[in-house]
Amino acid sequence: LDPLLDIGLEMVEHLRALGLNELARDHLVRMLKTFPDEFSLKLEHADTLFALGERSDAVKRLLDLAREMFQAGQSEDAERALLKVIEYDPKHRRAREIYDKVRTGKLTKQRKRRRLLVRTVALSFVVATLGLYIGYDYFARMEFSKATREVFAEGLGGDEDYMRAKKKLEAVVERHPLSLLRFFEARETLRAIDERLGNTSPRSR
């Protein structure tokens, strides 16, 4: 706050504590000439008017202030002004209607933001999970490809070589049960080995 404004507000608080509401009102009027746009002074002025029994004037000033704040895009200050009206006059229907409408609109926006945040987090989780799975599947396929190259590099002569190769490749598949490997590369390669070994059971087809 401006030092002069800060001192002025302290003076208002002191005068009101002493019950000198008329002096506080006059002091606030002078301060508002120096700081005509200061929201806190306008609230204090309304409080002082209410303390002096000028309730209708205080309510009118607060409603005008709320409208001014809404037009300036300062919805939180507008809500504070409306709450003051409701505090002074709990049965003021117009103030309560406007306040409830503002709160309802704000809650609706909050719900929309919350839903958007939930969808964003869920989508991020799905994308991250999919990325991890693709990386895992790629690693499994690379391991199987390496094992296949090693098998053929060692040479495949008789049935024992093919059996050894099959066990080695099946071990890779078993290490990666969640990979799509068993449905693609491994399936075709192991089927070819089974055919070579004469093993054409339904499971290997």
N, C-alpha and C. Protein backbone atom coordinates (compact mmCIF):
# COMPACT_ATOMS: atom_id res chain seq x y z
N LEU A 1 0.83 -1.20 0.00
CA LEU A 1 0.00 0.00 0.00
C LEU A 1 0.87 1.26 0.00
N ASP A 2 0.29 2.35 -0.51
CA ASP A 2 0.93 3.66 -0.43
C ASP A 2 1.04 4.02 1.07
N PRO A 3 2.18 4.53 1.51
CA PRO A 3 2.34 4.87 2.94
C PRO A 3 1.23 5.77 3.47
N LEU A 4 0.83 6.77 2.66
CA LEU A 4 -0.23 7.68 3.08
C LEU A 4 -1.56 6.94 3.23
N LEU A 5 -1.83 6.02 2.30
CA LEU A 5 -3.05 5.22 2.36
C LEU A 5 -3.02 4.31 3.58
N ASP A 6 -1.88 3.74 3.85
CA ASP A 6 -1.73 2.83 5.00
C ASP A 6 -1.99 3.58 6.30
N ILE A 7 -1.42 4.76 6.41
CA ILE A 7 -1.61 5.57 7.62
C ILE A 7 -3.08 5.98 7.76
N GLY A 8 -3.69 6.33 6.62
CA GLY A 8 -5.09 6.75 6.63
C GLY A 8 -6.01 5.63 7.09
N LEU A 9 -5.75 4.40 6.63
CA LEU A 9 -6.56 3.26 7.05
C LEU A 9 -6.39 2.96 8.54
N GLU A 10 -5.17 3.14 9.03
CA GLU A 10 -4.94 2.94 10.46
C GLU A 10 -5.70 3.98 11.28
N MET A 11 -5.75 5.19 10.75
CA MET A 11 -6.50 6.24 11.44
C MET A 11 -7.99 5.92 11.48
N VAL A 12 -8.52 5.43 10.36
CA VAL A 12 -9.93 5.05 10.31
C VAL A 12 -10.23 3.97 11.33
N GLU A 13 -9.37 2.97 11.39
CA GLU A 13 -9.55 1.87 12.34
C GLU A 13 -9.53 2.38 13.78
N HIS A 14 -8.62 3.34 14.04
CA HIS A 14 -8.50 3.91 15.39
C HIS A 14 -9.76 4.70 15.76
N LEU A 15 -10.24 5.51 14.83
CA LEU A 15 -11.44 6.32 15.11
C LEU A 15 -12.66 5.44 15.32
N ARG A 16 -12.79 4.41 14.54
CA ARG A 16 -13.95 3.52 14.68
C ARG A 16 -13.88 2.74 16.00
N ALA A 17 -12.65 2.36 16.39
CA ALA A 17 -12.49 1.66 17.67
C ALA A 17 -12.92 2.54 18.84
N LEU A 18 -12.76 3.87 18.67
CA LEU A 18 -13.17 4.82 19.71
C LEU A 18 -14.65 5.18 19.61
N GLY A 19 -15.32 4.64 18.58
CA GLY A 19 -16.73 4.95 18.40
C GLY A 19 -16.97 6.27 17.69
N LEU A 20 -15.91 6.84 17.14
CA LEU A 20 -16.02 8.14 16.45
C LEU A 20 -16.29 7.90 14.96
N ASN A 21 -17.46 7.33 14.67
CA ASN A 21 -17.76 6.93 13.30
C ASN A 21 -17.96 8.12 12.37
N GLU A 22 -18.49 9.21 12.88
CA GLU A 22 -18.67 10.39 12.03
C GLU A 22 -17.32 10.94 11.58
N LEU A 23 -16.37 11.01 12.53
CA LEU A 23 -15.03 11.46 12.17
C LEU A 23 -14.38 10.49 11.18
N ALA A 24 -14.61 9.19 11.39
CA ALA A 24 -14.06 8.19 10.48
C ALA A 24 -14.66 8.36 9.09
N ARG A 25 -15.98 8.64 9.03
CA ARG A 25 -16.64 8.84 7.73
C ARG A 25 -16.04 10.06 7.03
N ASP A 26 -15.90 11.17 7.75
CA ASP A 26 -15.37 12.39 7.13
C ASP A 26 -13.94 12.17 6.67
N HIS A 27 -13.17 11.46 7.47
CA HIS A 27 -11.78 11.17 7.10
C HIS A 27 -11.73 10.31 5.82
N LEU A 28 -12.63 9.35 5.73
CA LEU A 28 -12.68 8.49 4.54
C LEU A 28 -13.09 9.28 3.31
N VAL A 29 -14.00 10.22 3.47
CA VAL A 29 -14.42 11.06 2.32
C VAL A 29 -13.23 11.84 1.79
N ARG A 30 -12.42 12.37 2.70
CA ARG A 30 -11.23 13.11 2.28
C ARG A 30 -10.22 12.18 1.59
N MET A 31 -10.05 10.99 2.14
CA MET A 31 -9.11 10.05 1.55
C MET A 31 -9.55 9.59 0.16
N LEU A 32 -10.87 9.42 -0.01
CA LEU A 32 -11.38 8.98 -1.32
C LEU A 32 -11.16 10.04 -2.40
N LYS A 33 -11.03 11.28 -2.01
CA LYS A 33 -10.69 12.32 -2.99
C LYS A 33 -9.25 12.16 -3.47
N THR A 34 -8.41 11.65 -2.55
CA THR A 34 -7.00 11.44 -2.92
C THR A 34 -6.81 10.09 -3.62
N PHE A 35 -7.58 9.09 -3.15
CA PHE A 35 -7.49 7.75 -3.74
C PHE A 35 -8.89 7.30 -4.21
N PRO A 36 -9.39 7.90 -5.28
CA PRO A 36 -10.78 7.64 -5.70
C PRO A 36 -11.05 6.21 -6.18
N ASP A 37 -10.02 5.48 -6.55
CA ASP A 37 -10.21 4.12 -7.08
C ASP A 37 -9.84 3.03 -6.08
N GLU A 38 -9.53 3.42 -4.85
CA GLU A 38 -9.08 2.43 -3.86
C GLU A 38 -10.27 1.64 -3.30
N PHE A 39 -10.29 0.37 -3.61
CA PHE A 39 -11.41 -0.49 -3.22
C PHE A 39 -11.56 -0.59 -1.71
N SER A 40 -10.46 -0.77 -1.00
CA SER A 40 -10.52 -0.95 0.46
C SER A 40 -11.14 0.27 1.14
N LEU A 41 -10.87 1.48 0.62
CA LEU A 41 -11.45 2.68 1.20
C LEU A 41 -12.97 2.71 1.01
N LYS A 42 -13.42 2.26 -0.15
CA LYS A 42 -14.85 2.25 -0.42
C LYS A 42 -15.57 1.26 0.49
N LEU A 43 -14.94 0.12 0.75
CA LEU A 43 -15.53 -0.83 1.70
C LEU A 43 -15.59 -0.25 3.11
N GLU A 44 -14.50 0.40 3.51
CA GLU A 44 -14.47 1.01 4.84
C GLU A 44 -15.53 2.11 4.96
N HIS A 45 -15.69 2.86 3.88
CA HIS A 45 -16.69 3.93 3.88
C HIS A 45 -18.09 3.35 4.07
N ALA A 46 -18.39 2.27 3.37
CA ALA A 46 -19.68 1.62 3.52
C ALA A 46 -19.88 1.09 4.93
N ASP A 47 -18.82 0.51 5.50
CA ASP A 47 -18.90 0.00 6.87
C ASP A 47 -19.23 1.14 7.84
N THR A 48 -18.60 2.28 7.62
CA THR A 48 -18.82 3.43 8.52
C THR A 48 -20.24 3.96 8.38
N LEU A 49 -20.73 4.03 7.14
CA LEU A 49 -22.11 4.48 6.93
C LEU A 49 -23.10 3.55 7.62
N PHE A 50 -22.83 2.25 7.53
CA PHE A 50 -23.72 1.28 8.17
C PHE A 50 -23.69 1.46 9.69
N ALA A 51 -22.50 1.71 10.23
CA ALA A 51 -22.36 1.92 11.67
C ALA A 51 -23.11 3.16 12.13
N LEU A 52 -23.25 4.14 11.24
CA LEU A 52 -23.97 5.37 11.56
C LEU A 52 -25.48 5.24 11.33
N GLY A 53 -25.92 4.04 10.93
CA GLY A 53 -27.34 3.82 10.71
C GLY A 53 -27.81 4.15 9.31
N GLU A 54 -26.89 4.49 8.41
CA GLU A 54 -27.26 4.83 7.04
C GLU A 54 -27.17 3.57 6.16
N ARG A 55 -27.99 2.60 6.52
CA ARG A 55 -27.91 1.28 5.86
C ARG A 55 -28.23 1.34 4.37
N SER A 56 -29.31 2.04 4.00
CA SER A 56 -29.71 2.08 2.59
C SER A 56 -28.63 2.73 1.73
N ASP A 57 -28.01 3.79 2.26
CA ASP A 57 -26.94 4.45 1.51
C ASP A 57 -25.73 3.52 1.38
N ALA A 58 -25.42 2.80 2.47
CA ALA A 58 -24.28 1.86 2.43
C ALA A 58 -24.53 0.76 1.42
N VAL A 59 -25.76 0.23 1.41
CA VAL A 59 -26.10 -0.84 0.46
C VAL A 59 -26.02 -0.35 -0.97
N LYS A 60 -26.57 0.84 -1.22
CA LYS A 60 -26.53 1.40 -2.58
C LYS A 60 -25.10 1.59 -3.07
N ARG A 61 -24.24 2.12 -2.20
CA ARG A 61 -22.85 2.34 -2.59
C ARG A 61 -22.14 1.01 -2.88
N LEU A 62 -22.47 -0.01 -2.08
CA LEU A 62 -21.83 -1.31 -2.29
C LEU A 62 -22.32 -1.97 -3.58
N LEU A 63 -23.60 -1.83 -3.90
CA LEU A 63 -24.10 -2.38 -5.15
C LEU A 63 -23.46 -1.68 -6.35
N ASP A 64 -23.32 -0.36 -6.25
CA ASP A 64 -22.64 0.38 -7.32
C ASP A 64 -21.18 -0.06 -7.43
N LEU A 65 -20.56 -0.31 -6.28
CA LEU A 65 -19.17 -0.75 -6.26
C LEU A 65 -19.03 -2.13 -6.88
N ALA A 66 -19.97 -3.03 -6.56
CA ALA A 66 -19.93 -4.38 -7.14
C ALA A 66 -20.07 -4.31 -8.65
N ARG A 67 -21.00 -3.47 -9.13
CA ARG A 67 -21.18 -3.31 -10.58
C ARG A 67 -19.91 -2.76 -11.23
N GLU A 68 -19.30 -1.81 -10.56
CA GLU A 68 -18.05 -1.22 -11.07
C GLU A 68 -16.93 -2.26 -11.15
N MET A 69 -16.84 -3.09 -10.14
CA MET A 69 -15.80 -4.11 -10.12
C MET A 69 -16.04 -5.18 -11.19
N PHE A 70 -17.30 -5.55 -11.39
CA PHE A 70 -17.61 -6.51 -12.44
C PHE A 70 -17.21 -5.97 -13.80
N GLN A 71 -17.54 -4.71 -14.04
CA GLN A 71 -17.21 -4.09 -15.32
C GLN A 71 -15.70 -4.00 -15.54
N ALA A 72 -14.97 -3.87 -14.43
CA ALA A 72 -13.51 -3.79 -14.52
C ALA A 72 -12.87 -5.18 -14.58
N GLY A 73 -13.70 -6.23 -14.52
CA GLY A 73 -13.18 -7.59 -14.57
C GLY A 73 -12.60 -8.07 -13.26
N GLN A 74 -12.91 -7.35 -12.17
CA GLN A 74 -12.38 -7.73 -10.85
C GLN A 74 -13.50 -8.45 -10.07
N SER A 75 -13.76 -9.68 -10.46
CA SER A 75 -14.91 -10.42 -9.91
C SER A 75 -14.76 -10.71 -8.41
N GLU A 76 -13.54 -10.95 -7.95
CA GLU A 76 -13.36 -11.25 -6.52
C GLU A 76 -13.73 -10.06 -5.65
N ASP A 77 -13.32 -8.85 -6.07
CA ASP A 77 -13.69 -7.65 -5.33
C ASP A 77 -15.20 -7.42 -5.41
N ALA A 78 -15.79 -7.71 -6.56
CA ALA A 78 -17.23 -7.57 -6.71
C ALA A 78 -17.96 -8.51 -5.74
N GLU A 79 -17.46 -9.72 -5.61
CA GLU A 79 -18.05 -10.68 -4.67
C GLU A 79 -17.95 -10.17 -3.24
N ARG A 80 -16.83 -9.58 -2.90
CA ARG A 80 -16.66 -9.05 -1.54
C ARG A 80 -17.68 -7.94 -1.26
N ALA A 81 -17.90 -7.09 -2.26
CA ALA A 81 -18.88 -6.01 -2.09
C ALA A 81 -20.29 -6.59 -1.92
N LEU A 82 -20.62 -7.60 -2.72
CA LEU A 82 -21.94 -8.23 -2.61
C LEU A 82 -22.12 -8.91 -1.25
N LEU A 83 -21.07 -9.53 -0.76
CA LEU A 83 -21.14 -10.17 0.55
C LEU A 83 -21.40 -9.15 1.66
N LYS A 84 -20.82 -7.98 1.48
CA LYS A 84 -21.08 -6.91 2.45
C LYS A 84 -22.55 -6.50 2.43
N VAL A 85 -23.12 -6.41 1.23
CA VAL A 85 -24.54 -6.07 1.12
C VAL A 85 -25.38 -7.11 1.85
N ILE A 86 -25.08 -8.38 1.62
CA ILE A 86 -25.83 -9.47 2.25
C ILE A 86 -25.63 -9.46 3.76
N GLU A 87 -24.42 -9.05 4.18
CA GLU A 87 -24.14 -8.95 5.62
C GLU A 87 -25.00 -7.86 6.26
N TYR A 88 -25.12 -6.72 5.56
CA TYR A 88 -25.92 -5.62 6.08
C TYR A 88 -27.42 -5.90 5.96
N ASP A 89 -27.79 -6.54 4.85
CA ASP A 89 -29.20 -6.78 4.58
C ASP A 89 -29.39 -8.21 4.07
N PRO A 90 -29.48 -9.19 4.99
CA PRO A 90 -29.57 -10.60 4.60
C PRO A 90 -30.75 -10.90 3.67
N LYS A 91 -31.78 -10.05 3.69
CA LYS A 91 -32.95 -10.28 2.86
C LYS A 91 -32.90 -9.53 1.53
N HIS A 92 -31.75 -8.95 1.22
CA HIS A 92 -31.63 -8.20 -0.05
C HIS A 92 -31.60 -9.21 -1.19
N ARG A 93 -32.75 -9.40 -1.83
CA ARG A 93 -32.89 -10.45 -2.83
C ARG A 93 -31.98 -10.26 -4.04
N ARG A 94 -31.92 -9.02 -4.54
CA ARG A 94 -31.12 -8.76 -5.74
C ARG A 94 -29.64 -9.08 -5.52
N ALA A 95 -29.10 -8.65 -4.39
CA ALA A 95 -27.69 -8.91 -4.09
C ALA A 95 -27.43 -10.40 -3.98
N ARG A 96 -28.35 -11.12 -3.31
CA ARG A 96 -28.16 -12.56 -3.16
C ARG A 96 -28.27 -13.29 -4.50
N GLU A 97 -29.20 -12.84 -5.35
CA GLU A 97 -29.34 -13.45 -6.68
C GLU A 97 -28.07 -13.29 -7.50
N ILE A 98 -27.53 -12.07 -7.49
CA ILE A 98 -26.30 -11.81 -8.25
C ILE A 98 -25.15 -12.62 -7.69
N TYR A 99 -25.04 -12.64 -6.35
CA TYR A 99 -23.94 -13.37 -5.72
C TYR A 99 -24.03 -14.86 -6.03
N ASP A 100 -25.25 -15.42 -5.90
CA ASP A 100 -25.44 -16.85 -6.18
C ASP A 100 -25.12 -17.16 -7.64
N LYS A 101 -25.49 -16.26 -8.54
CA LYS A 101 -25.21 -16.46 -9.96
C LYS A 101 -23.71 -16.45 -10.21
N VAL A 102 -23.03 -15.51 -9.56
CA VAL A 102 -21.56 -15.43 -9.72
C VAL A 102 -20.91 -16.69 -9.18
N ARG A 103 -21.35 -17.11 -7.98
CA ARG A 103 -20.76 -18.31 -7.38
C ARG A 103 -21.05 -19.55 -8.22
N THR A 104 -22.27 -19.63 -8.76
CA THR A 104 -22.62 -20.78 -9.60
C THR A 104 -21.76 -20.81 -10.84
N GLY A 105 -21.58 -19.64 -11.45
CA GLY A 105 -20.73 -19.57 -12.65
C GLY A 105 -19.29 -19.94 -12.33
N LYS A 106 -18.82 -19.49 -11.19
CA LYS A 106 -17.45 -19.80 -10.80
C LYS A 106 -17.29 -21.29 -10.52
N LEU A 107 -18.29 -21.88 -9.84
CA LEU A 107 -18.22 -23.30 -9.56
C LEU A 107 -18.27 -24.12 -10.85
N THR A 108 -19.08 -23.65 -11.80
CA THR A 108 -19.15 -24.34 -13.10
C THR A 108 -17.80 -24.31 -13.80
N LYS A 109 -17.17 -23.14 -13.77
CA LYS A 109 -15.84 -23.03 -14.38
C LYS A 109 -14.82 -23.91 -13.67
N GLN A 110 -14.93 -23.96 -12.34
CA GLN A 110 -14.01 -24.80 -11.57
C GLN A 110 -14.21 -26.27 -11.91
N ARG A 111 -15.48 -26.67 -12.06
CA ARG A 111 -15.75 -28.06 -12.43
C ARG A 111 -15.20 -28.37 -13.82
N LYS A 112 -15.37 -27.43 -14.75
CA LYS A 112 -14.86 -27.63 -16.10
C LYS A 112 -13.34 -27.76 -16.09
N ARG A 113 -12.69 -26.88 -15.31
CA ARG A 113 -11.22 -26.94 -15.21
C ARG A 113 -10.78 -28.26 -14.58
N ARG A 114 -11.56 -28.71 -13.56
CA ARG A 114 -11.22 -29.96 -12.89
C ARG A 114 -11.37 -31.14 -13.85
N ARG A 115 -12.46 -31.14 -14.63
CA ARG A 115 -12.66 -32.22 -15.59
C ARG A 115 -11.57 -32.21 -16.66
N LEU A 116 -11.21 -31.00 -17.10
CA LEU A 116 -10.15 -30.89 -18.10
C LEU A 116 -8.83 -31.40 -17.55
N LEU A 117 -8.56 -31.06 -16.28
CA LEU A 117 -7.32 -31.52 -15.65
C LEU A 117 -7.30 -33.03 -15.53
N VAL A 118 -8.45 -33.62 -15.13
CA VAL A 118 -8.53 -35.08 -15.01
C VAL A 118 -8.30 -35.74 -16.36
N ARG A 119 -8.95 -35.19 -17.41
CA ARG A 119 -8.77 -35.77 -18.74
C ARG A 119 -7.32 -35.63 -19.21
N THR A 120 -6.71 -34.49 -18.92
CA THR A 120 -5.32 -34.26 -19.33
C THR A 120 -4.39 -35.24 -18.63
N VAL A 121 -4.61 -35.42 -17.31
CA VAL A 121 -3.77 -36.35 -16.55
C VAL A 121 -3.96 -37.77 -17.05
N ALA A 122 -5.24 -38.13 -17.30
CA ALA A 122 -5.53 -39.49 -17.79
C ALA A 122 -4.88 -39.72 -19.15
N LEU A 123 -5.00 -38.72 -20.04
CA LEU A 123 -4.40 -38.85 -21.37
C LEU A 123 -2.88 -38.95 -21.27
N SER A 124 -2.29 -38.13 -20.39
CA SER A 124 -0.84 -38.17 -20.20
C SER A 124 -0.40 -39.54 -19.69
N PHE A 125 -1.20 -40.10 -18.78
CA PHE A 125 -0.89 -41.42 -18.24
C PHE A 125 -0.95 -42.48 -19.34
N VAL A 126 -2.01 -42.40 -20.17
CA VAL A 126 -2.15 -43.37 -21.26
C VAL A 126 -0.99 -43.26 -22.23
N VAL A 127 -0.65 -42.03 -22.60
CA VAL A 127 0.45 -41.82 -23.54
C VAL A 127 1.77 -42.32 -22.96
N ALA A 128 2.00 -42.02 -21.67
CA ALA A 128 3.24 -42.46 -21.02
C ALA A 128 3.29 -43.99 -20.94
N THR A 129 2.13 -44.59 -20.58
CA THR A 129 2.08 -46.06 -20.50
C THR A 129 2.32 -46.69 -21.86
N LEU A 130 1.68 -46.12 -22.89
CA LEU A 130 1.86 -46.64 -24.24
C LEU A 130 3.31 -46.51 -24.68
N GLY A 131 3.92 -45.37 -24.34
CA GLY A 131 5.33 -45.18 -24.69
C GLY A 131 6.23 -46.20 -24.02
N LEU A 132 5.95 -46.45 -22.74
CA LEU A 132 6.75 -47.45 -22.01
C LEU A 132 6.56 -48.84 -22.61
N TYR A 133 5.31 -49.15 -22.97
CA TYR A 133 5.06 -50.48 -23.53
C TYR A 133 5.75 -50.64 -24.89
N ILE A 134 5.68 -49.60 -25.71
CA ILE A 134 6.35 -49.67 -27.02
C ILE A 134 7.85 -49.88 -26.83
N GLY A 135 8.43 -49.17 -25.84
CA GLY A 135 9.85 -49.34 -25.56
C GLY A 135 10.16 -50.76 -25.08
N TYR A 136 9.30 -51.26 -24.19
CA TYR A 136 9.48 -52.63 -23.69
C TYR A 136 9.36 -53.65 -24.83
N ASP A 137 8.33 -53.49 -25.68
CA ASP A 137 8.12 -54.44 -26.78
C ASP A 137 9.29 -54.39 -27.78
N TYR A 138 9.77 -53.18 -28.01
CA TYR A 138 10.91 -53.03 -28.92
C TYR A 138 12.14 -53.74 -28.36
N PHE A 139 12.37 -53.59 -27.05
CA PHE A 139 13.50 -54.25 -26.40
C PHE A 139 13.37 -55.78 -26.51
N ALA A 140 12.16 -56.31 -26.28
CA ALA A 140 11.94 -57.75 -26.36
C ALA A 140 12.21 -58.26 -27.77
N ARG A 141 11.74 -57.53 -28.76
CA ARG A 141 11.94 -57.95 -30.15
C ARG A 141 13.41 -57.89 -30.54
N MET A 142 14.11 -56.90 -30.04
CA MET A 142 15.54 -56.80 -30.34
C MET A 142 16.29 -57.98 -29.71
N GLU A 143 15.89 -58.35 -28.49
CA GLU A 143 16.54 -59.47 -27.83
C GLU A 143 16.28 -60.78 -28.60
N PHE A 144 15.05 -60.94 -29.07
CA PHE A 144 14.71 -62.15 -29.84
C PHE A 144 15.47 -62.16 -31.17
N SER A 145 15.57 -60.99 -31.79
CA SER A 145 16.30 -60.90 -33.06
C SER A 145 17.78 -61.26 -32.87
N LYS A 146 18.34 -60.78 -31.76
CA LYS A 146 19.75 -61.09 -31.46
C LYS A 146 19.93 -62.59 -31.23
N ALA A 147 19.01 -63.18 -30.46
CA ALA A 147 19.09 -64.62 -30.20
C ALA A 147 18.96 -65.41 -31.48
N THR A 148 18.09 -64.97 -32.38
CA THR A 148 17.90 -65.66 -33.66
C THR A 148 19.18 -65.63 -34.49
N ARG A 149 19.82 -64.45 -34.52
CA ARG A 149 21.07 -64.34 -35.27
C ARG A 149 22.14 -65.25 -34.69
N GLU A 150 22.21 -65.31 -33.35
CA GLU A 150 23.20 -66.16 -32.71
C GLU A 150 22.95 -67.64 -33.04
N VAL A 151 21.68 -68.03 -33.05
CA VAL A 151 21.33 -69.42 -33.36
C VAL A 151 21.79 -69.80 -34.75
N PHE A 152 21.49 -68.94 -35.70
CA PHE A 152 21.89 -69.25 -37.08
C PHE A 152 23.40 -69.12 -37.28
N ALA A 153 24.03 -68.23 -36.50
CA ALA A 153 25.47 -68.08 -36.60
C ALA A 153 26.18 -69.33 -36.09
N GLU A 154 25.58 -70.00 -35.07
CA GLU A 154 26.18 -71.21 -34.53
C GLU A 154 26.00 -72.40 -35.47
N GLY A 155 25.05 -72.25 -36.36
CA GLY A 155 24.83 -73.32 -37.34
C GLY A 155 23.79 -74.32 -36.85
N LEU A 156 22.92 -74.76 -37.73
CA LEU A 156 21.88 -75.72 -37.40
C LEU A 156 22.05 -76.95 -38.28
N GLY A 157 22.54 -78.04 -37.67
CA GLY A 157 22.77 -79.26 -38.43
C GLY A 157 21.69 -80.29 -38.20
N GLY A 158 21.79 -80.96 -37.07
CA GLY A 158 20.83 -82.02 -36.77
C GLY A 158 19.72 -81.55 -35.86
N ASP A 159 18.90 -82.51 -35.43
CA ASP A 159 17.75 -82.19 -34.59
C ASP A 159 18.16 -81.59 -33.25
N GLU A 160 19.30 -82.05 -32.74
CA GLU A 160 19.74 -81.52 -31.45
C GLU A 160 20.00 -80.02 -31.53
N ASP A 161 20.58 -79.59 -32.65
CA ASP A 161 20.84 -78.15 -32.84
C ASP A 161 19.52 -77.38 -32.88
N TYR A 162 18.55 -77.95 -33.58
CA TYR A 162 17.25 -77.27 -33.68
C TYR A 162 16.53 -77.23 -32.33
N MET A 163 16.66 -78.31 -31.57
CA MET A 163 16.04 -78.34 -30.25
C MET A 163 16.67 -77.30 -29.33
N ARG A 164 18.01 -77.22 -29.40
CA ARG A 164 18.72 -76.25 -28.58
C ARG A 164 18.32 -74.82 -29.00
N ALA A 165 18.23 -74.59 -30.31
CA ALA A 165 17.83 -73.27 -30.81
C ALA A 165 16.41 -72.93 -30.35
N LYS A 166 15.52 -73.91 -30.40
CA LYS A 166 14.13 -73.68 -29.99
C LYS A 166 14.05 -73.29 -28.51
N LYS A 167 14.79 -74.02 -27.67
CA LYS A 167 14.77 -73.72 -26.24
C LYS A 167 15.32 -72.31 -25.96
N LYS A 168 16.34 -71.94 -26.71
CA LYS A 168 16.95 -70.64 -26.51
C LYS A 168 15.98 -69.52 -26.89
N LEU A 169 15.29 -69.71 -28.00
CA LEU A 169 14.34 -68.70 -28.46
C LEU A 169 13.10 -68.67 -27.57
N GLU A 170 12.65 -69.83 -27.14
CA GLU A 170 11.49 -69.87 -26.24
C GLU A 170 11.80 -69.21 -24.90
N ALA A 171 13.04 -69.31 -24.47
CA ALA A 171 13.43 -68.67 -23.21
C ALA A 171 13.29 -67.15 -23.30
N VAL A 172 13.64 -66.61 -24.47
CA VAL A 172 13.49 -65.16 -24.67
C VAL A 172 12.01 -64.78 -24.60
N VAL A 173 11.17 -65.58 -25.27
CA VAL A 173 9.74 -65.31 -25.27
C VAL A 173 9.18 -65.36 -23.85
N GLU A 174 9.59 -66.34 -23.07
CA GLU A 174 9.09 -66.49 -21.70
C GLU A 174 9.52 -65.34 -20.81
N ARG A 175 10.67 -64.74 -21.11
CA ARG A 175 11.14 -63.61 -20.31
C ARG A 175 10.30 -62.36 -20.56
N HIS A 176 9.58 -62.36 -21.67
CA HIS A 176 8.79 -61.17 -22.02
C HIS A 176 7.34 -61.58 -22.33
N PRO A 177 6.61 -62.00 -21.29
CA PRO A 177 5.24 -62.51 -21.51
C PRO A 177 4.25 -61.45 -21.99
N LEU A 178 4.55 -60.18 -21.76
CA LEU A 178 3.62 -59.12 -22.16
C LEU A 178 3.90 -58.57 -23.56
N SER A 179 4.98 -59.01 -24.13
CA SER A 179 5.35 -58.51 -25.46
C SER A 179 4.48 -59.14 -26.55
N LEU A 180 4.34 -58.42 -27.64
CA LEU A 180 3.63 -58.97 -28.81
C LEU A 180 4.53 -59.91 -29.60
N LEU A 181 5.72 -60.10 -29.10
CA LEU A 181 6.70 -60.93 -29.77
C LEU A 181 6.15 -62.32 -30.09
N ARG A 182 5.45 -62.93 -29.14
CA ARG A 182 4.97 -64.31 -29.31
C ARG A 182 3.93 -64.42 -30.42
N PHE A 183 3.33 -63.31 -30.79
CA PHE A 183 2.30 -63.36 -31.84
C PHE A 183 2.85 -63.05 -33.23
N PHE A 184 4.08 -62.61 -33.29
CA PHE A 184 4.63 -62.23 -34.59
C PHE A 184 5.94 -62.98 -34.86
N GLU A 185 7.09 -62.34 -34.60
CA GLU A 185 8.39 -62.93 -34.94
C GLU A 185 8.58 -64.33 -34.36
N ALA A 186 8.34 -64.46 -33.04
CA ALA A 186 8.57 -65.75 -32.37
C ALA A 186 7.65 -66.83 -32.92
N ARG A 187 6.44 -66.49 -33.17
CA ARG A 187 5.47 -67.48 -33.65
C ARG A 187 5.93 -68.10 -34.97
N GLU A 188 6.34 -67.25 -35.91
CA GLU A 188 6.75 -67.76 -37.21
C GLU A 188 8.06 -68.53 -37.14
N THR A 189 9.00 -68.00 -36.36
CA THR A 189 10.32 -68.66 -36.26
C THR A 189 10.20 -70.02 -35.58
N LEU A 190 9.47 -70.07 -34.45
CA LEU A 190 9.32 -71.34 -33.73
C LEU A 190 8.48 -72.34 -34.53
N ARG A 191 7.54 -71.86 -35.29
CA ARG A 191 6.77 -72.76 -36.15
C ARG A 191 7.67 -73.42 -37.20
N ALA A 192 8.58 -72.60 -37.76
CA ALA A 192 9.49 -73.14 -38.77
C ALA A 192 10.40 -74.22 -38.17
N ILE A 193 10.85 -73.99 -36.92
CA ILE A 193 11.70 -74.99 -36.27
C ILE A 193 10.90 -76.26 -35.98
N ASP A 194 9.65 -76.10 -35.53
CA ASP A 194 8.81 -77.26 -35.25
C ASP A 194 8.57 -78.08 -36.53
N GLU A 195 8.37 -77.39 -37.63
CA GLU A 195 8.17 -78.11 -38.89
C GLU A 195 9.42 -78.88 -39.28
N ARG A 196 10.56 -78.26 -39.01
CA ARG A 196 11.84 -78.94 -39.31
C ARG A 196 12.00 -80.18 -38.45
N LEU A 197 11.52 -80.08 -37.18
CA LEU A 197 11.64 -81.21 -36.27
C LEU A 197 10.50 -82.21 -36.45
N GLY A 198 9.56 -81.87 -37.30
CA GLY A 198 8.43 -82.77 -37.51
C GLY A 198 7.36 -82.62 -36.43
N ASN A 199 7.44 -81.59 -35.62
CA ASN A 199 6.50 -81.35 -34.53
C ASN A 199 5.40 -80.43 -35.06
N THR A 200 4.31 -80.97 -35.46
CA THR A 200 3.25 -80.15 -36.05
C THR A 200 1.97 -80.24 -35.21
N SER A 201 2.16 -80.25 -33.89
CA SER A 201 1.02 -80.30 -32.97
C SER A 201 0.23 -79.01 -33.09
N PRO A 202 -1.06 -79.02 -32.72
CA PRO A 202 -1.88 -77.80 -32.82
C PRO A 202 -1.27 -76.63 -32.09
N ARG A 203 -0.61 -76.86 -30.96
CA ARG A 203 -0.04 -75.76 -30.20
C ARG A 203 1.02 -75.00 -30.97
N SER A 204 1.77 -75.72 -31.83
CA SER A 204 2.87 -75.07 -32.55
C SER A 204 2.43 -74.47 -33.85
N ARG A 205 1.19 -74.71 -34.23
CA ARG A 205 0.70 -74.15 -35.51
C ARG A 205 0.27 -72.73 -35.35
